[in-house]
Amino acid sequence: MQWGNDSDCKEIFMGRKWRLTDAEWDVLDHLRFGTTDAEVFRNATMILMTAVGRSKTSIAEDLGCSPATVDNVRKRYRDRGVEGLKRRKPPGPKPRATAEYRAALRRAVQTPPQSLGFGFSVWSAARLGAYLKRETGIALTADRVRRLLHEEGFSFQRPKHTMKGKRDEAAYEKARRQLKRIKKGPWRVIAMLS
């Protein structure tokens, strides 16, 4: 691939003659080597390749994209300049989790459920979502609640349920000793001989 920095180089670009000034070339080159985004690098490279007279088809082949992509990048550069080469957040609906919802989420997670009148001691994503729906009027799925917890810096973990502290420890130890004695009892010897 031959690269040149001829500011007088002309290309029929979207139906008109087009030139890159030395300043534009430097801005594109700086953008290209100053980014970690592969798409931005590719897009800036497309414009530079266009400026040295490369055809849309040869650019597409060299960069592994379609000629339509080359057209789209050229149009975005013509319309918006260097900003047209960068990713834009795709349009879509506004997030349902408002700032107030996120604040309520942080407060709820840091509050033991029993202190709020619940009969459980650990939040699940579904329970937390149901509580927040009642408090804020915004319903989110358990999966979305988990992602919000992560975004807010909380880790969501499954609780390990044990009976420790809820059982009669003396009765537990007595039963454990009896079970051990039964396992070592005489019936084991008879079973081994059969």
N, C-alpha and C. Protein backbone atom coordinates (compact mmCIF):
# COMPACT_ATOMS: atom_id res chain seq x y z
N MET A 1 0.84 -1.17 0.00
CA MET A 1 0.00 0.00 0.00
C MET A 1 0.89 1.24 0.00
N GLN A 2 0.68 2.13 -0.93
CA GLN A 2 1.45 3.37 -1.01
C GLN A 2 0.68 4.50 -0.32
N TRP A 3 1.35 5.22 0.53
CA TRP A 3 0.74 6.35 1.20
C TRP A 3 1.48 7.61 0.77
N GLY A 4 0.77 8.66 0.58
CA GLY A 4 1.40 9.93 0.23
C GLY A 4 0.77 11.05 1.00
N ASN A 5 1.45 12.18 1.09
CA ASN A 5 0.92 13.34 1.78
C ASN A 5 0.89 14.51 0.82
N ASP A 6 0.26 14.30 -0.31
CA ASP A 6 0.18 15.33 -1.33
C ASP A 6 -1.10 16.12 -1.11
N SER A 7 -0.98 17.34 -0.61
CA SER A 7 -2.17 18.13 -0.30
C SER A 7 -2.91 18.56 -1.55
N ASP A 8 -2.28 18.42 -2.74
CA ASP A 8 -2.96 18.78 -3.99
C ASP A 8 -3.69 17.60 -4.61
N CYS A 9 -3.60 16.41 -3.94
CA CYS A 9 -4.24 15.20 -4.47
C CYS A 9 -5.75 15.41 -4.51
N LYS A 10 -6.36 15.07 -5.67
CA LYS A 10 -7.80 15.26 -5.82
C LYS A 10 -8.49 13.92 -5.96
N GLU A 11 -9.70 13.84 -5.48
CA GLU A 11 -10.51 12.63 -5.59
C GLU A 11 -11.95 13.06 -5.84
N ILE A 12 -12.62 12.35 -6.69
CA ILE A 12 -14.05 12.59 -6.85
C ILE A 12 -14.68 11.96 -5.62
N PHE A 13 -15.15 12.79 -4.72
CA PHE A 13 -15.63 12.34 -3.42
C PHE A 13 -17.08 12.76 -3.29
N MET A 14 -17.95 11.78 -3.36
CA MET A 14 -19.39 12.02 -3.26
C MET A 14 -19.83 13.06 -4.30
N GLY A 15 -19.30 12.93 -5.49
CA GLY A 15 -19.76 13.76 -6.59
C GLY A 15 -19.04 15.09 -6.74
N ARG A 16 -18.02 15.37 -5.96
CA ARG A 16 -17.31 16.62 -6.14
C ARG A 16 -15.83 16.43 -5.85
N LYS A 17 -15.02 17.36 -6.36
CA LYS A 17 -13.58 17.28 -6.13
C LYS A 17 -13.33 17.53 -4.65
N TRP A 18 -12.35 16.83 -4.12
CA TRP A 18 -12.14 16.91 -2.68
C TRP A 18 -10.66 16.89 -2.39
N ARG A 19 -10.21 17.70 -1.46
CA ARG A 19 -8.81 17.74 -1.06
C ARG A 19 -8.71 17.72 0.45
N LEU A 20 -7.59 17.18 0.91
CA LEU A 20 -7.26 17.26 2.33
C LEU A 20 -6.13 18.27 2.46
N THR A 21 -6.32 19.23 3.33
CA THR A 21 -5.21 20.16 3.60
C THR A 21 -4.21 19.45 4.50
N ASP A 22 -3.04 20.03 4.62
CA ASP A 22 -2.04 19.44 5.52
C ASP A 22 -2.57 19.37 6.95
N ALA A 23 -3.31 20.39 7.37
CA ALA A 23 -3.87 20.41 8.73
C ALA A 23 -4.90 19.30 8.90
N GLU A 24 -5.77 19.10 7.90
CA GLU A 24 -6.76 18.03 7.98
C GLU A 24 -6.08 16.66 8.01
N TRP A 25 -5.05 16.52 7.19
CA TRP A 25 -4.30 15.26 7.15
C TRP A 25 -3.70 14.97 8.53
N ASP A 26 -3.11 16.00 9.14
CA ASP A 26 -2.49 15.82 10.47
C ASP A 26 -3.53 15.46 11.53
N VAL A 27 -4.70 16.10 11.46
CA VAL A 27 -5.76 15.80 12.43
C VAL A 27 -6.20 14.35 12.28
N LEU A 28 -6.41 13.90 11.05
CA LEU A 28 -6.82 12.52 10.81
C LEU A 28 -5.74 11.53 11.24
N ASP A 29 -4.50 11.85 10.93
CA ASP A 29 -3.40 10.96 11.32
C ASP A 29 -3.28 10.89 12.84
N HIS A 30 -3.44 12.02 13.50
CA HIS A 30 -3.39 12.05 14.97
C HIS A 30 -4.54 11.23 15.56
N LEU A 31 -5.73 11.40 14.99
CA LEU A 31 -6.90 10.63 15.44
C LEU A 31 -6.65 9.14 15.25
N ARG A 32 -6.12 8.79 14.10
CA ARG A 32 -5.89 7.39 13.76
C ARG A 32 -4.94 6.72 14.73
N PHE A 33 -3.86 7.38 15.08
CA PHE A 33 -2.88 6.75 15.95
C PHE A 33 -3.07 7.09 17.43
N GLY A 34 -4.07 7.91 17.72
CA GLY A 34 -4.34 8.26 19.11
C GLY A 34 -5.55 7.54 19.70
N THR A 35 -6.12 6.63 18.93
CA THR A 35 -7.32 5.94 19.40
C THR A 35 -7.04 4.46 19.66
N THR A 36 -7.83 3.90 20.56
CA THR A 36 -7.77 2.45 20.78
C THR A 36 -8.99 1.77 20.17
N ASP A 37 -9.87 2.56 19.58
CA ASP A 37 -11.08 2.05 18.95
C ASP A 37 -10.76 1.66 17.50
N ALA A 38 -10.87 0.38 17.19
CA ALA A 38 -10.52 -0.13 15.86
C ALA A 38 -11.39 0.51 14.77
N GLU A 39 -12.65 0.78 15.10
CA GLU A 39 -13.54 1.36 14.09
C GLU A 39 -13.13 2.79 13.75
N VAL A 40 -12.74 3.57 14.75
CA VAL A 40 -12.29 4.94 14.50
C VAL A 40 -11.00 4.92 13.66
N PHE A 41 -10.09 4.01 13.99
CA PHE A 41 -8.85 3.87 13.22
C PHE A 41 -9.18 3.55 11.76
N ARG A 42 -10.08 2.58 11.56
CA ARG A 42 -10.47 2.19 10.20
C ARG A 42 -11.10 3.35 9.45
N ASN A 43 -11.99 4.09 10.11
CA ASN A 43 -12.68 5.19 9.45
C ASN A 43 -11.73 6.31 9.04
N ALA A 44 -10.80 6.66 9.92
CA ALA A 44 -9.82 7.69 9.57
C ALA A 44 -8.93 7.22 8.43
N THR A 45 -8.58 5.94 8.45
CA THR A 45 -7.76 5.37 7.37
C THR A 45 -8.50 5.44 6.05
N MET A 46 -9.81 5.20 6.06
CA MET A 46 -10.61 5.30 4.83
C MET A 46 -10.52 6.68 4.21
N ILE A 47 -10.63 7.70 5.05
CA ILE A 47 -10.59 9.07 4.53
C ILE A 47 -9.20 9.38 3.98
N LEU A 48 -8.17 8.95 4.66
CA LEU A 48 -6.81 9.19 4.17
C LEU A 48 -6.56 8.44 2.86
N MET A 49 -7.08 7.22 2.76
CA MET A 49 -6.92 6.45 1.52
C MET A 49 -7.69 7.11 0.38
N THR A 50 -8.85 7.69 0.70
CA THR A 50 -9.62 8.42 -0.31
C THR A 50 -8.83 9.62 -0.80
N ALA A 51 -8.17 10.30 0.12
CA ALA A 51 -7.43 11.51 -0.22
C ALA A 51 -6.22 11.24 -1.12
N VAL A 52 -5.69 10.03 -1.08
CA VAL A 52 -4.56 9.72 -1.96
C VAL A 52 -5.01 9.09 -3.26
N GLY A 53 -6.32 9.07 -3.49
CA GLY A 53 -6.83 8.64 -4.78
C GLY A 53 -7.27 7.19 -4.87
N ARG A 54 -7.39 6.50 -3.77
CA ARG A 54 -7.81 5.10 -3.81
C ARG A 54 -9.31 5.02 -4.10
N SER A 55 -9.70 3.99 -4.82
CA SER A 55 -11.11 3.81 -5.15
C SER A 55 -11.85 3.20 -3.95
N LYS A 56 -13.15 3.38 -3.99
CA LYS A 56 -14.01 2.84 -2.94
C LYS A 56 -13.84 1.32 -2.83
N THR A 57 -13.78 0.64 -3.96
CA THR A 57 -13.67 -0.82 -3.96
C THR A 57 -12.34 -1.28 -3.38
N SER A 58 -11.25 -0.62 -3.77
CA SER A 58 -9.93 -1.05 -3.25
C SER A 58 -9.81 -0.76 -1.76
N ILE A 59 -10.40 0.34 -1.31
CA ILE A 59 -10.38 0.66 0.13
C ILE A 59 -11.16 -0.42 0.88
N ALA A 60 -12.34 -0.77 0.38
CA ALA A 60 -13.17 -1.79 1.03
C ALA A 60 -12.44 -3.13 1.10
N GLU A 61 -11.79 -3.52 0.02
CA GLU A 61 -11.05 -4.79 0.02
C GLU A 61 -9.91 -4.76 1.03
N ASP A 62 -9.13 -3.68 1.05
CA ASP A 62 -7.98 -3.60 1.96
C ASP A 62 -8.38 -3.54 3.42
N LEU A 63 -9.52 -2.91 3.71
CA LEU A 63 -9.93 -2.75 5.11
C LEU A 63 -10.97 -3.79 5.56
N GLY A 64 -11.36 -4.67 4.66
CA GLY A 64 -12.26 -5.75 5.04
C GLY A 64 -13.67 -5.30 5.36
N CYS A 65 -14.18 -4.36 4.57
CA CYS A 65 -15.55 -3.90 4.77
C CYS A 65 -16.22 -3.81 3.41
N SER A 66 -17.45 -3.40 3.39
CA SER A 66 -18.17 -3.30 2.12
C SER A 66 -17.97 -1.91 1.51
N PRO A 67 -18.14 -1.79 0.21
CA PRO A 67 -18.08 -0.47 -0.42
C PRO A 67 -19.14 0.48 0.15
N ALA A 68 -20.28 -0.07 0.57
CA ALA A 68 -21.32 0.78 1.17
C ALA A 68 -20.82 1.41 2.47
N THR A 69 -20.01 0.65 3.23
CA THR A 69 -19.45 1.20 4.47
C THR A 69 -18.52 2.36 4.14
N VAL A 70 -17.72 2.21 3.09
CA VAL A 70 -16.83 3.30 2.68
C VAL A 70 -17.66 4.53 2.33
N ASP A 71 -18.75 4.34 1.58
CA ASP A 71 -19.63 5.46 1.24
C ASP A 71 -20.19 6.12 2.50
N ASN A 72 -20.66 5.29 3.44
CA ASN A 72 -21.25 5.84 4.67
C ASN A 72 -20.23 6.64 5.47
N VAL A 73 -19.01 6.12 5.60
CA VAL A 73 -17.98 6.84 6.36
C VAL A 73 -17.62 8.14 5.67
N ARG A 74 -17.48 8.10 4.35
CA ARG A 74 -17.18 9.34 3.60
C ARG A 74 -18.28 10.37 3.82
N LYS A 75 -19.53 9.94 3.76
CA LYS A 75 -20.66 10.88 3.95
C LYS A 75 -20.65 11.47 5.35
N ARG A 76 -20.42 10.60 6.35
CA ARG A 76 -20.38 11.12 7.73
C ARG A 76 -19.23 12.11 7.92
N TYR A 77 -18.09 11.84 7.29
CA TYR A 77 -16.96 12.77 7.40
C TYR A 77 -17.29 14.08 6.71
N ARG A 78 -17.93 14.00 5.54
CA ARG A 78 -18.30 15.22 4.83
C ARG A 78 -19.31 16.03 5.62
N ASP A 79 -20.27 15.36 6.26
CA ASP A 79 -21.32 16.05 7.00
C ASP A 79 -20.88 16.57 8.36
N ARG A 80 -20.09 15.77 9.08
CA ARG A 80 -19.77 16.12 10.47
C ARG A 80 -18.29 16.25 10.77
N GLY A 81 -17.45 16.06 9.79
CA GLY A 81 -16.01 16.18 10.01
C GLY A 81 -15.48 15.00 10.82
N VAL A 82 -14.45 15.26 11.61
CA VAL A 82 -13.80 14.21 12.40
C VAL A 82 -14.79 13.54 13.35
N GLU A 83 -15.75 14.28 13.88
CA GLU A 83 -16.75 13.69 14.79
C GLU A 83 -17.56 12.60 14.10
N GLY A 84 -17.72 12.70 12.79
CA GLY A 84 -18.46 11.70 12.03
C GLY A 84 -17.74 10.36 11.95
N LEU A 85 -16.45 10.34 12.29
CA LEU A 85 -15.68 9.10 12.25
C LEU A 85 -15.75 8.34 13.56
N LYS A 86 -16.24 8.98 14.59
CA LYS A 86 -16.31 8.35 15.91
C LYS A 86 -17.67 7.71 16.12
N ARG A 87 -17.69 6.74 17.02
CA ARG A 87 -18.95 6.06 17.34
C ARG A 87 -19.90 7.04 18.03
N ARG A 88 -21.15 6.91 17.66
CA ARG A 88 -22.20 7.66 18.37
C ARG A 88 -23.05 6.67 19.11
N LYS A 89 -23.55 7.08 20.25
CA LYS A 89 -24.45 6.21 21.00
C LYS A 89 -25.70 6.03 20.16
N PRO A 90 -26.09 4.78 19.93
CA PRO A 90 -27.27 4.57 19.09
C PRO A 90 -28.52 5.12 19.75
N PRO A 91 -29.42 5.66 18.96
CA PRO A 91 -30.66 6.18 19.55
C PRO A 91 -31.50 5.03 20.08
N GLY A 92 -32.27 5.33 21.04
CA GLY A 92 -33.13 4.30 21.62
C GLY A 92 -33.97 4.93 22.70
N PRO A 93 -34.77 4.13 23.34
CA PRO A 93 -35.61 4.68 24.40
C PRO A 93 -34.78 5.15 25.59
N LYS A 94 -35.32 6.11 26.31
CA LYS A 94 -34.64 6.57 27.52
C LYS A 94 -34.62 5.42 28.53
N PRO A 95 -33.53 5.30 29.28
CA PRO A 95 -33.49 4.23 30.30
C PRO A 95 -34.61 4.42 31.31
N ARG A 96 -35.23 3.30 31.71
CA ARG A 96 -36.32 3.37 32.69
C ARG A 96 -35.77 3.57 34.10
N ALA A 97 -34.53 3.17 34.34
CA ALA A 97 -33.94 3.33 35.67
C ALA A 97 -33.46 4.78 35.82
N THR A 98 -34.30 5.60 36.41
CA THR A 98 -33.97 7.01 36.59
C THR A 98 -32.96 7.19 37.72
N ALA A 99 -32.50 8.41 37.90
CA ALA A 99 -31.56 8.70 38.99
C ALA A 99 -32.23 8.41 40.34
N GLU A 100 -33.52 8.71 40.45
CA GLU A 100 -34.24 8.43 41.69
C GLU A 100 -34.32 6.92 41.95
N TYR A 101 -34.54 6.15 40.90
CA TYR A 101 -34.60 4.70 41.02
C TYR A 101 -33.25 4.17 41.51
N ARG A 102 -32.17 4.66 40.91
CA ARG A 102 -30.83 4.22 41.31
C ARG A 102 -30.54 4.58 42.77
N ALA A 103 -30.99 5.76 43.19
CA ALA A 103 -30.78 6.16 44.59
C ALA A 103 -31.57 5.24 45.52
N ALA A 104 -32.81 4.91 45.13
CA ALA A 104 -33.63 4.00 45.94
C ALA A 104 -33.00 2.61 45.97
N LEU A 105 -32.41 2.20 44.86
CA LEU A 105 -31.73 0.90 44.79
C LEU A 105 -30.55 0.86 45.77
N ARG A 106 -29.74 1.91 45.76
CA ARG A 106 -28.59 1.97 46.68
C ARG A 106 -29.04 1.94 48.14
N ARG A 107 -30.09 2.71 48.44
CA ARG A 107 -30.60 2.73 49.83
C ARG A 107 -31.12 1.35 50.23
N ALA A 108 -31.91 0.73 49.36
CA ALA A 108 -32.52 -0.56 49.68
C ALA A 108 -31.47 -1.64 49.90
N VAL A 109 -30.46 -1.68 49.04
CA VAL A 109 -29.43 -2.72 49.14
C VAL A 109 -28.67 -2.60 50.46
N GLN A 110 -28.51 -1.40 50.92
CA GLN A 110 -27.76 -1.17 52.15
C GLN A 110 -28.63 -1.27 53.40
N THR A 111 -29.91 -1.58 53.21
CA THR A 111 -30.84 -1.73 54.33
C THR A 111 -31.23 -3.19 54.46
N PRO A 112 -31.11 -3.78 55.64
CA PRO A 112 -31.55 -5.18 55.80
C PRO A 112 -33.06 -5.29 55.53
N PRO A 113 -33.47 -6.27 54.75
CA PRO A 113 -34.89 -6.40 54.42
C PRO A 113 -35.79 -6.53 55.64
N GLN A 114 -35.30 -7.18 56.71
CA GLN A 114 -36.12 -7.36 57.91
C GLN A 114 -36.44 -6.03 58.57
N SER A 115 -35.54 -5.04 58.43
CA SER A 115 -35.83 -3.74 59.03
C SER A 115 -36.91 -2.99 58.24
N LEU A 116 -37.22 -3.47 57.04
CA LEU A 116 -38.29 -2.88 56.23
C LEU A 116 -39.59 -3.66 56.37
N GLY A 117 -39.58 -4.67 57.28
CA GLY A 117 -40.79 -5.44 57.55
C GLY A 117 -40.92 -6.72 56.75
N PHE A 118 -39.87 -7.13 56.06
CA PHE A 118 -39.92 -8.38 55.30
C PHE A 118 -39.53 -9.55 56.18
N GLY A 119 -39.96 -10.74 55.80
CA GLY A 119 -39.67 -11.95 56.56
C GLY A 119 -38.42 -12.66 56.09
N PHE A 120 -37.63 -12.04 55.26
CA PHE A 120 -36.39 -12.64 54.79
C PHE A 120 -35.23 -11.73 55.15
N SER A 121 -34.02 -12.29 55.17
CA SER A 121 -32.87 -11.51 55.63
C SER A 121 -31.91 -11.13 54.51
N VAL A 122 -32.11 -11.67 53.31
CA VAL A 122 -31.21 -11.39 52.19
C VAL A 122 -32.03 -11.01 50.97
N TRP A 123 -31.60 -9.94 50.29
CA TRP A 123 -32.29 -9.53 49.07
C TRP A 123 -31.98 -10.49 47.94
N SER A 124 -32.97 -10.82 47.15
CA SER A 124 -32.75 -11.47 45.85
C SER A 124 -33.05 -10.38 44.81
N ALA A 125 -32.60 -10.59 43.60
CA ALA A 125 -32.85 -9.58 42.56
C ALA A 125 -34.35 -9.41 42.33
N ALA A 126 -35.09 -10.51 42.33
CA ALA A 126 -36.54 -10.44 42.12
C ALA A 126 -37.23 -9.69 43.27
N ARG A 127 -36.85 -10.00 44.50
CA ARG A 127 -37.46 -9.32 45.66
C ARG A 127 -37.11 -7.84 45.67
N LEU A 128 -35.86 -7.53 45.34
CA LEU A 128 -35.42 -6.14 45.30
C LEU A 128 -36.18 -5.39 44.22
N GLY A 129 -36.35 -6.03 43.05
CA GLY A 129 -37.12 -5.41 41.96
C GLY A 129 -38.56 -5.15 42.35
N ALA A 130 -39.17 -6.12 43.04
CA ALA A 130 -40.56 -5.96 43.47
C ALA A 130 -40.68 -4.82 44.49
N TYR A 131 -39.74 -4.76 45.43
CA TYR A 131 -39.76 -3.70 46.43
C TYR A 131 -39.60 -2.33 45.76
N LEU A 132 -38.66 -2.23 44.83
CA LEU A 132 -38.42 -0.95 44.16
C LEU A 132 -39.60 -0.56 43.28
N LYS A 133 -40.29 -1.53 42.71
CA LYS A 133 -41.49 -1.22 41.93
C LYS A 133 -42.55 -0.59 42.83
N ARG A 134 -42.70 -1.16 44.03
CA ARG A 134 -43.67 -0.62 44.98
C ARG A 134 -43.27 0.79 45.43
N GLU A 135 -41.96 1.01 45.60
CA GLU A 135 -41.48 2.31 46.09
C GLU A 135 -41.44 3.39 45.01
N THR A 136 -41.03 3.01 43.78
CA THR A 136 -40.81 4.01 42.73
C THR A 136 -41.84 3.96 41.61
N GLY A 137 -42.54 2.83 41.50
CA GLY A 137 -43.50 2.68 40.41
C GLY A 137 -42.85 2.22 39.10
N ILE A 138 -41.55 1.92 39.15
CA ILE A 138 -40.82 1.49 37.95
C ILE A 138 -40.54 -0.01 38.06
N ALA A 139 -41.03 -0.77 37.09
CA ALA A 139 -40.84 -2.23 37.10
C ALA A 139 -39.68 -2.60 36.18
N LEU A 140 -38.71 -3.32 36.71
CA LEU A 140 -37.59 -3.83 35.93
C LEU A 140 -37.46 -5.33 36.18
N THR A 141 -36.89 -6.03 35.22
CA THR A 141 -36.69 -7.47 35.38
C THR A 141 -35.58 -7.72 36.39
N ALA A 142 -35.54 -8.93 36.92
CA ALA A 142 -34.49 -9.31 37.88
C ALA A 142 -33.12 -9.19 37.23
N ASP A 143 -33.03 -9.55 35.94
CA ASP A 143 -31.74 -9.45 35.24
C ASP A 143 -31.28 -7.99 35.15
N ARG A 144 -32.20 -7.09 34.86
CA ARG A 144 -31.84 -5.66 34.77
C ARG A 144 -31.44 -5.13 36.14
N VAL A 145 -32.11 -5.58 37.20
CA VAL A 145 -31.75 -5.17 38.56
C VAL A 145 -30.32 -5.63 38.86
N ARG A 146 -29.97 -6.86 38.46
CA ARG A 146 -28.60 -7.36 38.67
C ARG A 146 -27.58 -6.48 37.95
N ARG A 147 -27.89 -6.10 36.70
CA ARG A 147 -26.96 -5.25 35.94
C ARG A 147 -26.83 -3.87 36.58
N LEU A 148 -27.94 -3.33 37.08
CA LEU A 148 -27.87 -2.04 37.77
C LEU A 148 -27.03 -2.12 39.04
N LEU A 149 -27.20 -3.21 39.77
CA LEU A 149 -26.38 -3.41 40.98
C LEU A 149 -24.90 -3.38 40.62
N HIS A 150 -24.54 -4.06 39.53
CA HIS A 150 -23.15 -4.09 39.09
C HIS A 150 -22.68 -2.69 38.69
N GLU A 151 -23.51 -1.97 37.94
CA GLU A 151 -23.17 -0.60 37.53
C GLU A 151 -22.99 0.32 38.73
N GLU A 152 -23.74 0.07 39.79
CA GLU A 152 -23.65 0.89 41.00
C GLU A 152 -22.53 0.44 41.93
N GLY A 153 -21.79 -0.61 41.54
CA GLY A 153 -20.65 -1.04 42.34
C GLY A 153 -20.95 -2.11 43.38
N PHE A 154 -22.13 -2.71 43.30
CA PHE A 154 -22.47 -3.78 44.23
C PHE A 154 -22.27 -5.12 43.54
N SER A 155 -21.88 -6.12 44.31
CA SER A 155 -21.79 -7.47 43.73
C SER A 155 -22.99 -8.25 44.22
N PHE A 156 -23.61 -8.95 43.31
CA PHE A 156 -24.80 -9.73 43.64
C PHE A 156 -24.36 -11.17 43.77
N GLN A 157 -24.55 -11.73 44.94
CA GLN A 157 -24.11 -13.10 45.19
C GLN A 157 -25.26 -13.92 45.73
N ARG A 158 -25.23 -15.18 45.41
CA ARG A 158 -26.25 -16.07 45.95
C ARG A 158 -25.90 -16.38 47.40
N PRO A 159 -26.87 -16.31 48.30
CA PRO A 159 -26.57 -16.60 49.70
C PRO A 159 -26.35 -18.10 49.91
N LYS A 160 -25.49 -18.42 50.85
CA LYS A 160 -25.27 -19.81 51.22
C LYS A 160 -26.13 -20.07 52.45
N HIS A 161 -27.09 -20.95 52.30
CA HIS A 161 -28.01 -21.24 53.39
C HIS A 161 -27.45 -22.36 54.26
N THR A 162 -27.31 -22.11 55.53
CA THR A 162 -26.87 -23.13 56.49
C THR A 162 -27.81 -23.07 57.68
N MET A 163 -27.75 -24.08 58.48
CA MET A 163 -28.57 -24.12 59.69
C MET A 163 -27.80 -23.61 60.91
N LYS A 164 -26.55 -23.24 60.71
CA LYS A 164 -25.73 -22.80 61.82
C LYS A 164 -26.41 -21.61 62.51
N GLY A 165 -26.51 -21.71 63.81
CA GLY A 165 -27.15 -20.67 64.59
C GLY A 165 -28.66 -20.85 64.70
N LYS A 166 -29.24 -21.73 63.89
CA LYS A 166 -30.68 -21.95 63.91
C LYS A 166 -31.03 -23.33 64.46
N ARG A 167 -30.03 -24.15 64.66
CA ARG A 167 -30.28 -25.52 65.13
C ARG A 167 -29.82 -25.66 66.58
N ASP A 168 -30.30 -26.70 67.19
CA ASP A 168 -29.86 -27.05 68.55
C ASP A 168 -28.52 -27.77 68.40
N GLU A 169 -27.45 -27.08 68.71
CA GLU A 169 -26.11 -27.62 68.49
C GLU A 169 -25.86 -28.92 69.27
N ALA A 170 -26.37 -29.03 70.49
CA ALA A 170 -26.17 -30.26 71.29
C ALA A 170 -26.86 -31.44 70.62
N ALA A 171 -28.09 -31.25 70.15
CA ALA A 171 -28.82 -32.32 69.48
C ALA A 171 -28.14 -32.69 68.16
N TYR A 172 -27.61 -31.69 67.47
CA TYR A 172 -26.90 -31.93 66.21
C TYR A 172 -25.67 -32.81 66.44
N GLU A 173 -24.87 -32.46 67.44
CA GLU A 173 -23.66 -33.24 67.74
C GLU A 173 -24.02 -34.68 68.14
N LYS A 174 -25.09 -34.86 68.95
CA LYS A 174 -25.51 -36.19 69.37
C LYS A 174 -25.92 -37.02 68.15
N ALA A 175 -26.68 -36.43 67.24
CA ALA A 175 -27.12 -37.14 66.04
C ALA A 175 -25.93 -37.46 65.13
N ARG A 176 -24.96 -36.55 65.03
CA ARG A 176 -23.78 -36.78 64.21
C ARG A 176 -22.98 -37.96 64.74
N ARG A 177 -22.81 -38.06 66.07
CA ARG A 177 -22.08 -39.18 66.69
C ARG A 177 -22.82 -40.50 66.46
N GLN A 178 -24.15 -40.48 66.61
CA GLN A 178 -24.93 -41.69 66.38
C GLN A 178 -24.80 -42.17 64.93
N LEU A 179 -24.86 -41.25 64.00
CA LEU A 179 -24.73 -41.60 62.59
C LEU A 179 -23.36 -42.21 62.31
N LYS A 180 -22.34 -41.65 62.89
CA LYS A 180 -20.98 -42.16 62.71
C LYS A 180 -20.88 -43.59 63.26
N ARG A 181 -21.47 -43.82 64.44
CA ARG A 181 -21.45 -45.15 65.06
C ARG A 181 -22.23 -46.16 64.20
N ILE A 182 -23.36 -45.76 63.66
CA ILE A 182 -24.15 -46.64 62.81
C ILE A 182 -23.38 -47.02 61.55
N LYS A 183 -22.69 -46.04 60.96
CA LYS A 183 -21.92 -46.31 59.75
C LYS A 183 -20.81 -47.33 60.01
N LYS A 184 -20.23 -47.34 61.20
CA LYS A 184 -19.15 -48.26 61.54
C LYS A 184 -19.66 -49.53 62.21
N GLY A 185 -20.97 -49.67 62.35
CA GLY A 185 -21.57 -50.79 63.08
C GLY A 185 -21.32 -52.16 62.45
N PRO A 186 -21.78 -53.25 63.14
CA PRO A 186 -21.52 -54.62 62.71
C PRO A 186 -22.20 -54.98 61.38
N TRP A 187 -23.28 -54.33 61.05
CA TRP A 187 -23.97 -54.65 59.80
C TRP A 187 -23.06 -54.39 58.60
N ARG A 188 -22.12 -53.46 58.73
CA ARG A 188 -21.20 -53.12 57.64
C ARG A 188 -20.29 -54.32 57.33
N VAL A 189 -19.84 -54.99 58.37
CA VAL A 189 -18.97 -56.17 58.20
C VAL A 189 -19.76 -57.26 57.49
N ILE A 190 -20.98 -57.49 57.87
CA ILE A 190 -21.82 -58.53 57.25
C ILE A 190 -22.06 -58.19 55.78
N ALA A 191 -22.29 -56.93 55.50
CA ALA A 191 -22.52 -56.51 54.11
C ALA A 191 -21.27 -56.73 53.27
N MET A 192 -20.09 -56.56 53.85
CA MET A 192 -18.85 -56.74 53.11
C MET A 192 -18.59 -58.21 52.82
N LEU A 193 -19.03 -59.14 53.71
CA LEU A 193 -18.82 -60.56 53.51
C LEU A 193 -19.77 -61.13 52.45
N SER A 194 -20.91 -60.54 52.25
CA SER A 194 -21.91 -61.06 51.31
C SER A 194 -21.50 -60.92 49.88
